[in-house]
Amino acid sequence: MNRLISTNWTDYLDYPAPGAMSRRRFLGWLGMVGMAAFGSKAIGQEAESKPRMITRIIPSGGEKLPVIGLGTWQTFDERLDEETRQRLKSVLAILFENGGRVIDSSPMYGRSEAATGELTEELGINAELFMATKVWTSGEEAGKEQMAQSFRLMRRSRMDLMQIHNLVDWKIHLQTLREMKAAGDIRYWGITHYTAGTFAEISRIMEAEKPDFIQIPYSMEERRAEERLLPLAQDRGIAVLINRPYEGGSLFARVRGKALPEWAQEFDCASWGQFFLKYLLGHPAVTCVIPGTGNPRHMQDNIRAGFGRLPEAAQRKRMAEVLDRL
């Protein structure tokens, strides 16, 4: 381990070099990752003194969920050579040791489900995570077969959240998911999409069927979820996962070369990435944001957004005005 992170997003804890660590050394490193976001503390310091990630309640279940998770689209769709294996393990370690639990995947994401299952099992953390994946096919039997495959790939006998990906054949899969929940095979079910053009249909399903979760796109650049879906989720008691929080990276292009406003310190924000995530978390309907990354440095920055103060309504308005002027 070469250095501890600073508040600069380009200066994070270095992940282990390829082939540089034995399993024993890696597990030792894993135990120290959780200290990195908050500077150097004594290794023997009591765990209770470590800051805890903010949590939000899942309305239909009553349990608390940490507000920063991990998406795996593209980022975990890789062959696990030694370099990739250690890099992705580092991402997972940073998430887990800082209190994150949510990992979201899909059969659509190529090798991502398999990589997630294999690496989390090797790290010994699979059972402690909140695993979410999706059904992405047409037909009842095809859906059941695909979900069974997801269970195998993610090394799970029970899935925390199963979602209908992009609303594909949702009426058919809905009945299957309700049966699976009643049988205890899944804990929650939900619906997802990645485009705001589907918000009207999602709202109709929310009103008629009341899923446990919705997963929708929401970012400082795409704020249409604030108009109808987020208030409806609050009214109906539906948890909300957020995808595309960085709008595919275009938000970083907009602020390149721009200084972070000094007043961002008022809500414990030290980078543009945290600025974008804390804006979303400032909305009380948002349960968890799941930015995708396979980069330990980016994971470290993402995770910091889940700690400290969040912006209040007036501060969020000011944040939006900053972005709109760029």
Foldseek 3Di string as FASTA:
>chain_A
DPDAADLDLVRHDDFDAQPPDDPVVNLVVLLCLQCRLPDDDPSPDDPVPRFAFDWAALQVPRDTAGAAAAEAAVAQQDDDDRRLLRLQLLLVSNCVSRHHAEYEEEVVRHLNLLSQQVSCVSSVCLVVHQYEYEQEDDDQVSSVVRVVVSCVSNVHQAHAEYEHEQCHNVVNVVVVVVVCCVVRRYVFYEYEDEDPVCVVVRLVCCVPPNGSEYEYEDWLVDHPCVVPPLVSCVVSSHEYEYECHCVVVVVCVLCVPHDDDPCVVVFPRSDVLLLTSLLVVQRSRHRYYHYYHSGSSVSSNSSSSRGGGGDHPVVSVVSSVVSVVD
